[in-house]
Amino acid sequence: MTHTRPIWAEIARSRLLHNYRLLQRLAGPDADLLTVIKADAYGHGLADCARTLAAGGSRLFGVTSVEEAVTLRGILDSEGYADGRIVAMSGAWQGEAEAVLSHRITPVVWDVAHLESLAAAAAGDHLAPGAVPVHLEIDTGMSRQGTQPRSFASLVEHLSPESPLRVEAVMTHFHSPENSTATREQMRQFTAAVEALATQGICPQILSAGSSGDLLAQSTTELNDLARRCGARRMVRTGIALYGYPPSGAEQHGLQPVLAWKTRIISLRGIESGTTAGYGATFHAQRPTRLALLAVGYADGLNRTHSNRGAALVRGQRAPIAGRISMDQTMVDVTDIPAAEVGDEVVLIGEQGSERITAADLAQATGTIAYEVLCAIGARVPRRLVD
């Protein structure tokens, strides 16, 4: 069914490509970008973002799971980008090894169980030694996923030259890119792990380390030197910066927010001074007040903590949220915007006139991060690719 409810998110193709090219320039010629489009491209829409980035030259994509990777493989192959590489960054779960092979997915691995299931599936397909690329993650302090150095010996036993598995990349994840001391310690551990693996005959083609924050801060460029010493290339995993937001503490560097979230005024009413509005009657009109009803609520992803504190843009002005945000509707006070009328476009994230509201603004108001705001925009909000 065609979406007719007046709420939508606009995804600016030109801004996404601008950010991608900016990040390419920052990475320089000695590093490759893994464009991370997990979680439905951080709420921006997997299919449209994948097509846009592929058309712009990206051939390296990162997703969370094998399920996401299978969906992405179908998109890339149907659009003529069968050469696109897909990394499943959270590895392969039980029973997914066959899908990894049949859909040409590169999984991140960090324990023996991963290697055993993949090797068994590859043996069933009679694949040659080294036919299946994997990215081996090293835990340098995140303690989330990744193998620890004491486990190297058991892993190496499963990665003999006769194995169908080949360690294409060794990777790690920096937990606090804004903390140079912590990052230096993680880099020290990562370097030691890479060197230890080399003594066991594991010499990857790629060193995958660093994310949006590291790239924007240019805090880990010495990894380029490590990659050169190992005869490898460096890969940087760029996520939130692709969509126009630097991580906490990083410079903007000219990034442009890709998503604009919009709705419309669907009803207007006047209330007298002293009248209440919304669940719990938390809004009390201090004067004769004009309220505009918007087709957006917390089921669409507008956090309920913005009740009586947030705002939306109406005719280029900020209209305060009046009362509690409901599941499907929100009221804003347009008393000071007398020209507001039913059908007016209302901006929740984006620009209107000289005013602007970003996902970072919404995040700051609720004590979270822009990532969560963007990912929380509901599936019932259609994404529309523009320009």
Protein backbone atom coordinates (compact mmCIF):
# COMPACT_ATOMS: atom_id res chain seq x y z
CA MET A 1 0.00 0.00 0.00
CA THR A 2 1.21 3.51 -0.79
CA HIS A 3 2.18 5.55 2.26
CA THR A 4 -0.42 8.28 2.74
CA ARG A 5 0.10 9.27 6.38
CA PRO A 6 1.88 12.63 6.35
CA ILE A 7 5.19 11.63 7.88
CA TRP A 8 8.43 10.76 6.09
CA ALA A 9 12.22 10.94 6.18
CA GLU A 10 14.18 12.41 3.29
CA ILE A 11 17.58 10.86 2.53
CA ALA A 12 19.80 13.25 0.60
CA ARG A 13 21.83 11.29 -1.94
CA SER A 14 24.16 14.23 -2.60
CA ARG A 15 24.99 14.61 1.09
CA LEU A 16 25.70 10.92 1.53
CA LEU A 17 28.11 11.00 -1.41
CA HIS A 18 29.67 14.24 -0.13
CA ASN A 19 30.41 12.57 3.22
CA TYR A 20 31.75 9.44 1.56
CA ARG A 21 34.17 11.43 -0.60
CA LEU A 22 35.24 13.60 2.33
CA LEU A 23 36.05 10.49 4.38
CA GLN A 24 37.94 9.00 1.43
CA ARG A 25 40.10 12.11 1.31
CA LEU A 26 40.78 11.93 5.05
CA ALA A 27 41.70 8.25 4.77
CA GLY A 28 44.18 9.01 2.01
CA PRO A 29 45.56 6.68 -0.64
CA ASP A 30 47.02 4.20 1.86
CA ALA A 31 43.69 3.17 3.40
CA ASP A 32 40.39 1.75 2.20
CA LEU A 33 36.96 2.63 3.57
CA LEU A 34 34.56 -0.02 4.79
CA THR A 35 31.22 1.79 4.47
CA VAL A 36 29.12 0.61 7.40
CA ILE A 37 25.42 0.32 6.57
CA LYS A 38 24.29 -1.92 9.40
CA ALA A 39 21.01 -1.34 11.27
CA ASP A 40 19.21 -0.33 8.07
CA ALA A 41 22.03 2.13 7.33
CA TYR A 42 21.71 3.72 10.77
CA GLY A 43 18.01 4.23 10.13
CA HIS A 44 18.51 5.78 6.69
CA GLY A 45 17.38 2.80 4.60
CA LEU A 46 19.70 -0.03 3.62
CA ALA A 47 18.67 -0.41 -0.03
CA ASP A 48 18.86 3.25 -1.06
CA CYS A 49 22.09 3.91 0.83
CA ALA A 50 23.74 0.77 -0.58
CA ARG A 51 22.78 1.70 -4.14
CA THR A 52 23.94 5.29 -3.68
CA LEU A 53 27.30 4.32 -2.17
CA ALA A 54 27.90 1.59 -4.74
CA ALA A 55 27.15 4.02 -7.56
CA GLY A 56 29.59 6.43 -5.90
CA GLY A 57 32.36 3.85 -5.96
CA SER A 58 32.16 1.94 -2.70
CA ARG A 59 32.79 -1.79 -2.98
CA LEU A 60 33.37 -2.52 0.72
CA PHE A 61 30.33 -2.72 2.98
CA GLY A 62 29.92 -3.56 6.65
CA VAL A 63 26.76 -4.95 8.24
CA THR A 64 26.00 -6.57 11.58
CA SER A 65 24.72 -10.02 10.78
CA VAL A 66 24.57 -12.69 8.12
CA GLU A 67 20.86 -11.89 7.72
CA GLU A 68 21.66 -8.28 6.87
CA ALA A 69 24.44 -9.43 4.57
CA VAL A 70 22.15 -11.77 2.63
CA THR A 71 19.70 -8.91 2.08
CA LEU A 72 22.50 -6.60 0.98
CA ARG A 73 23.95 -9.23 -1.37
CA GLY A 74 20.60 -9.43 -3.15
CA ILE A 75 20.53 -5.64 -3.55
CA LEU A 76 24.09 -5.35 -4.85
CA ASP A 77 23.82 -8.27 -7.26
CA SER A 78 20.51 -7.03 -8.70
CA GLU A 79 22.00 -3.57 -9.30
CA GLY A 80 25.07 -4.87 -11.11
CA TYR A 81 27.50 -4.59 -8.17
CA ALA A 82 28.26 -8.28 -7.73
CA ASP A 83 31.89 -7.35 -7.02
CA GLY A 84 30.82 -5.66 -3.79
CA ARG A 85 32.42 -7.14 -0.66
CA ILE A 86 30.27 -7.58 2.45
CA VAL A 87 31.70 -8.02 5.95
CA ALA A 88 29.40 -9.46 8.65
CA MET A 89 30.96 -7.66 11.60
CA SER A 90 29.23 -9.65 14.35
CA GLY A 91 30.24 -12.96 12.85
CA ALA A 92 28.19 -15.97 11.85
CA TRP A 93 25.81 -17.62 14.27
CA GLN A 94 25.04 -21.32 14.47
CA GLY A 95 23.64 -22.64 11.20
CA GLU A 96 24.71 -19.63 9.14
CA ALA A 97 27.97 -20.97 7.69
CA GLU A 98 26.33 -22.25 4.50
CA ALA A 99 24.75 -18.84 3.89
CA VAL A 100 28.15 -17.19 4.37
CA LEU A 101 29.58 -19.29 1.57
CA SER A 102 26.67 -19.21 -0.85
CA HIS A 103 26.20 -15.42 -0.58
CA ARG A 104 29.92 -14.57 -0.66
CA ILE A 105 29.96 -12.99 2.78
CA THR A 106 33.15 -12.31 4.72
CA PRO A 107 32.58 -13.01 8.41
CA VAL A 108 34.45 -11.63 11.37
CA VAL A 109 35.73 -14.53 13.51
CA TRP A 110 37.24 -14.72 16.96
CA ASP A 111 36.82 -18.18 18.40
CA VAL A 112 37.37 -21.80 17.44
CA ALA A 113 33.64 -22.50 17.04
CA HIS A 114 33.46 -19.96 14.20
CA LEU A 115 36.39 -21.57 12.41
CA GLU A 116 35.09 -25.10 12.85
CA SER A 117 31.62 -24.36 11.47
CA LEU A 118 32.96 -22.43 8.48
CA ALA A 119 35.60 -25.06 7.71
CA ALA A 120 33.00 -27.83 7.87
CA ALA A 121 30.70 -26.00 5.45
CA ALA A 122 33.62 -25.29 3.12
CA ALA A 123 34.69 -28.94 3.22
CA GLY A 124 31.16 -29.94 2.29
CA ASP A 125 31.46 -27.71 -0.76
CA HIS A 126 34.91 -29.15 -1.56
CA LEU A 127 36.49 -25.70 -1.52
CA ALA A 128 40.20 -25.30 -2.09
CA PRO A 129 42.63 -24.22 0.63
CA GLY A 130 42.32 -20.50 1.39
CA ALA A 131 39.11 -20.11 -0.59
CA VAL A 132 37.11 -18.55 2.26
CA PRO A 133 38.30 -15.14 3.51
CA VAL A 134 37.71 -14.29 7.16
CA HIS A 135 38.52 -11.24 9.28
CA LEU A 136 40.11 -12.20 12.60
CA GLU A 137 39.24 -9.79 15.41
CA ILE A 138 41.66 -9.16 18.26
CA ASP A 139 40.29 -7.99 21.63
CA THR A 140 42.50 -5.11 22.77
CA GLY A 141 40.26 -3.83 25.56
CA MET A 142 36.71 -3.58 24.26
CA SER A 143 35.93 -7.00 25.82
CA ARG A 144 32.94 -7.38 23.55
CA GLN A 145 34.11 -9.66 20.78
CA GLY A 146 37.53 -10.64 19.54
CA THR A 147 40.09 -13.25 20.49
CA GLN A 148 42.56 -12.69 23.29
CA PRO A 149 46.28 -13.38 22.74
CA ARG A 150 46.19 -16.45 25.00
CA SER A 151 43.78 -18.05 22.49
CA PHE A 152 46.08 -17.61 19.48
CA ALA A 153 47.54 -21.08 19.67
CA SER A 154 44.18 -22.88 19.41
CA LEU A 155 43.08 -20.60 16.59
CA VAL A 156 46.26 -21.11 14.60
CA GLU A 157 45.74 -24.87 14.74
CA HIS A 158 42.57 -24.33 12.69
CA LEU A 159 44.27 -22.04 10.16
CA SER A 160 46.87 -24.30 8.59
CA PRO A 161 47.83 -23.82 4.91
CA GLU A 162 45.51 -26.72 4.09
CA SER A 163 42.49 -25.03 5.66
CA PRO A 164 39.82 -23.63 3.33
CA LEU A 165 39.85 -20.54 5.57
CA ARG A 166 42.19 -17.63 4.92
CA VAL A 167 42.79 -14.73 7.30
CA GLU A 168 42.34 -11.86 4.86
CA ALA A 169 42.26 -9.22 7.63
CA VAL A 170 43.24 -8.80 11.24
CA MET A 171 41.13 -6.22 13.03
CA THR A 172 40.41 -4.56 16.36
CA HIS A 173 37.98 -1.98 17.70
CA PHE A 174 39.06 1.14 19.62
CA HIS A 175 36.70 1.69 22.52
CA SER A 176 37.51 5.36 23.26
CA PRO A 177 38.82 7.13 20.15
CA GLU A 178 38.53 10.46 21.96
CA ASN A 179 41.03 9.19 24.58
CA SER A 180 44.48 9.19 23.01
CA THR A 181 46.09 7.38 25.95
CA ALA A 182 43.61 4.50 25.77
CA THR A 183 43.91 4.30 22.00
CA ARG A 184 47.72 4.21 22.13
CA GLU A 185 47.55 1.27 24.53
CA GLN A 186 45.11 -0.56 22.27
CA MET A 187 47.37 0.11 19.28
CA ARG A 188 50.30 -1.32 21.23
CA GLN A 189 48.33 -4.50 21.95
CA PHE A 190 47.13 -4.73 18.36
CA THR A 191 50.67 -4.33 16.97
CA ALA A 192 51.92 -7.05 19.31
CA ALA A 193 49.10 -9.37 18.21
CA VAL A 194 49.79 -8.78 14.51
CA GLU A 195 53.48 -9.49 15.03
CA ALA A 196 52.72 -12.62 17.05
CA LEU A 197 50.40 -13.92 14.34
CA ALA A 198 53.11 -13.29 11.74
CA THR A 199 55.42 -15.64 13.61
CA GLN A 200 52.73 -18.30 13.17
CA GLY A 201 52.58 -17.70 9.43
CA ILE A 202 49.42 -15.57 9.47
CA CYS A 203 50.15 -12.48 7.37
CA PRO A 204 46.92 -10.69 6.41
CA GLN A 205 46.34 -8.54 3.36
CA ILE A 206 44.40 -6.02 5.43
CA LEU A 207 44.70 -4.41 8.87
CA SER A 208 41.23 -3.24 9.81
CA ALA A 209 41.31 -0.76 12.67
CA GLY A 210 39.71 2.60 13.30
CA SER A 211 36.22 4.03 12.91
CA SER A 212 34.65 7.40 12.17
CA GLY A 213 36.11 9.01 15.29
CA ASP A 214 39.65 7.81 14.61
CA LEU A 215 39.50 8.94 11.01
CA LEU A 216 38.13 12.40 11.80
CA ALA A 217 40.71 12.90 14.55
CA GLN A 218 43.52 11.38 12.45
CA SER A 219 44.57 9.70 15.70
CA THR A 220 45.77 6.34 14.42
CA THR A 221 47.68 7.11 11.23
CA GLU A 222 50.65 5.09 12.53
CA LEU A 223 48.61 2.02 11.69
CA ASN A 224 49.27 2.90 8.06
CA ASP A 225 52.97 2.37 8.80
CA LEU A 226 52.25 -0.96 10.50
CA ALA A 227 50.26 -2.07 7.48
CA ARG A 228 53.11 -1.16 5.15
CA ARG A 229 55.59 -3.08 7.29
CA CYS A 230 53.30 -6.11 7.07
CA GLY A 231 52.81 -5.77 3.32
CA ALA A 232 49.12 -5.05 3.93
CA ARG A 233 46.64 -2.24 3.39
CA ARG A 234 44.76 -0.49 6.15
CA MET A 235 40.97 -0.50 6.28
CA VAL A 236 38.97 2.11 8.22
CA ARG A 237 35.37 1.32 9.19
CA THR A 238 33.24 4.44 8.74
CA GLY A 239 29.74 4.45 10.18
CA ILE A 240 28.05 7.49 11.75
CA ALA A 241 30.24 9.97 9.84
CA LEU A 242 28.82 8.69 6.55
CA TYR A 243 25.47 10.00 7.68
CA GLY A 244 26.78 13.41 8.66
CA TYR A 245 27.52 13.19 12.37
CA PRO A 246 30.93 13.08 14.04
CA PRO A 247 31.22 10.92 17.17
CA SER A 248 31.50 12.72 20.49
CA GLY A 249 34.54 14.94 20.63
CA ALA A 250 35.40 14.72 16.92
CA GLU A 251 35.49 17.65 14.54
CA GLN A 252 32.69 18.17 12.03
CA HIS A 253 35.12 18.41 9.08
CA GLY A 254 32.32 19.62 6.79
CA LEU A 255 30.11 16.54 7.23
CA GLN A 256 26.51 17.08 6.16
CA PRO A 257 23.53 15.41 7.89
CA VAL A 258 21.91 13.09 5.36
CA LEU A 259 18.47 12.59 6.92
CA ALA A 260 15.64 15.09 7.31
CA TRP A 261 12.55 13.97 9.26
CA LYS A 262 9.26 15.67 8.44
CA THR A 263 5.53 15.60 9.08
CA ARG A 264 2.57 17.95 8.59
CA ILE A 265 0.03 19.83 10.64
CA ILE A 266 -3.12 17.71 10.48
CA SER A 267 -5.37 19.80 12.73
CA LEU A 268 -5.48 23.17 14.54
CA ARG A 269 -7.44 24.33 17.55
CA GLY A 270 -7.55 27.25 19.94
CA ILE A 271 -7.79 26.80 23.70
CA GLU A 272 -8.41 29.32 26.45
CA SER A 273 -5.98 30.35 29.15
CA GLY A 274 -5.99 27.76 31.92
CA THR A 275 -6.97 24.89 29.62
CA THR A 276 -4.90 21.71 29.78
CA ALA A 277 -3.69 19.50 26.92
CA GLY A 278 -2.39 15.97 26.46
CA TYR A 279 -2.15 12.88 28.63
CA GLY A 280 -1.81 13.71 32.29
CA ALA A 281 -2.84 17.31 31.55
CA THR A 282 0.80 18.33 31.81
CA PHE A 283 0.40 21.35 29.52
CA HIS A 284 -1.40 24.33 31.03
CA ALA A 285 -2.12 27.21 28.68
CA GLN A 286 -0.88 30.48 30.19
CA ARG A 287 -2.68 32.54 27.55
CA PRO A 288 -5.14 31.96 24.72
CA THR A 289 -3.20 29.34 22.79
CA ARG A 290 -3.25 27.83 19.31
CA LEU A 291 -2.21 24.17 19.14
CA ALA A 292 -1.17 22.31 16.00
CA LEU A 293 -1.53 18.54 15.88
CA LEU A 294 1.28 16.65 14.14
CA ALA A 295 1.22 13.15 12.65
CA VAL A 296 4.15 11.85 14.68
CA GLY A 297 4.50 10.10 18.02
CA TYR A 298 6.78 7.92 20.05
CA ALA A 299 5.86 4.88 17.95
CA ASP A 300 7.53 6.72 15.06
CA GLY A 301 10.66 7.30 17.14
CA LEU A 302 10.06 10.75 18.66
CA ASN A 303 11.33 10.21 22.17
CA ARG A 304 8.68 10.82 24.83
CA THR A 305 11.16 12.76 26.97
CA HIS A 306 10.81 15.65 24.51
CA SER A 307 7.32 16.22 25.94
CA ASN A 308 6.94 19.87 27.02
CA ARG A 309 10.66 20.47 26.26
CA GLY A 310 11.36 19.85 22.60
CA ALA A 311 10.34 21.77 19.50
CA ALA A 312 9.62 21.38 15.81
CA LEU A 313 10.09 23.84 12.96
CA VAL A 314 6.95 25.42 11.50
CA ARG A 315 7.24 28.12 8.83
CA GLY A 316 10.89 28.61 9.77
CA GLN A 317 10.19 29.11 13.48
CA ARG A 318 10.52 26.90 16.54
CA ALA A 319 7.19 25.65 17.82
CA PRO A 320 7.44 24.20 21.36
CA ILE A 321 6.02 20.74 22.01
CA ALA A 322 2.91 21.14 24.15
CA GLY A 323 2.01 18.30 26.49
CA ARG A 324 3.07 14.69 26.39
CA ILE A 325 4.03 13.07 23.13
CA SER A 326 1.46 10.38 22.35
CA MET A 327 2.03 7.10 20.53
CA ASP A 328 0.92 8.52 17.17
CA GLN A 329 0.49 12.26 17.61
CA THR A 330 2.22 15.31 19.05
CA MET A 331 0.98 18.83 19.70
CA VAL A 332 3.05 21.98 19.24
CA ASP A 333 2.26 25.52 20.31
CA VAL A 334 1.93 27.76 17.22
CA THR A 335 0.42 30.77 18.98
CA ASP A 336 3.39 32.88 17.86
CA ILE A 337 3.18 31.52 14.30
CA PRO A 338 -0.23 32.88 13.29
CA ALA A 339 0.13 31.95 9.60
CA ALA A 340 0.47 28.23 10.44
CA GLU A 341 -2.26 26.18 8.77
CA VAL A 342 -3.32 22.60 8.18
CA GLY A 343 -1.00 20.91 5.68
CA ASP A 344 2.08 22.92 6.58
CA GLU A 345 5.32 20.95 6.44
CA VAL A 346 6.89 20.52 9.87
CA VAL A 347 10.55 19.63 10.41
CA LEU A 348 11.58 17.37 13.28
CA ILE A 349 15.17 16.91 12.05
CA GLY A 350 16.53 19.16 9.35
CA GLU A 351 16.43 22.77 8.23
CA GLN A 352 13.64 25.24 7.59
CA GLY A 353 14.40 28.86 6.88
CA SER A 354 17.31 29.89 9.07
CA GLU A 355 16.46 27.37 11.79
CA ARG A 356 17.92 23.89 12.17
CA ILE A 357 17.37 20.84 14.37
CA THR A 358 19.83 17.94 14.17
CA ALA A 359 19.79 14.41 15.51
CA ALA A 360 22.61 15.54 17.79
CA ASP A 361 20.32 18.26 19.21
CA LEU A 362 17.61 15.70 19.96
CA ALA A 363 20.21 13.38 21.47
CA GLN A 364 21.63 16.05 23.74
CA ALA A 365 18.16 16.88 25.03
CA THR A 366 17.54 13.27 26.04
CA GLY A 367 21.00 12.31 27.25
CA THR A 368 21.81 9.92 24.42
CA ILE A 369 23.72 9.95 21.13
CA ALA A 370 22.80 10.79 17.54
CA TYR A 371 23.21 7.13 16.56
CA GLU A 372 20.27 6.13 18.77
CA VAL A 373 18.05 8.97 17.57
CA LEU A 374 18.56 8.02 13.93
CA CYS A 375 18.19 4.27 14.49
CA ALA A 376 15.03 4.82 16.54
CA ILE A 377 13.07 6.41 13.69
CA GLY A 378 10.42 3.78 13.13
CA ALA A 379 9.95 1.45 10.18
CA ARG A 380 6.52 2.96 9.56
CA VAL A 381 8.23 6.25 8.62
CA PRO A 382 8.92 5.86 4.89
CA ARG A 383 12.37 6.87 3.66
CA ARG A 384 12.46 8.89 0.44
CA LEU A 385 15.64 9.35 -1.55
CA VAL A 386 15.99 12.95 -2.71
CA ASP A 387 18.33 14.93 -5.02
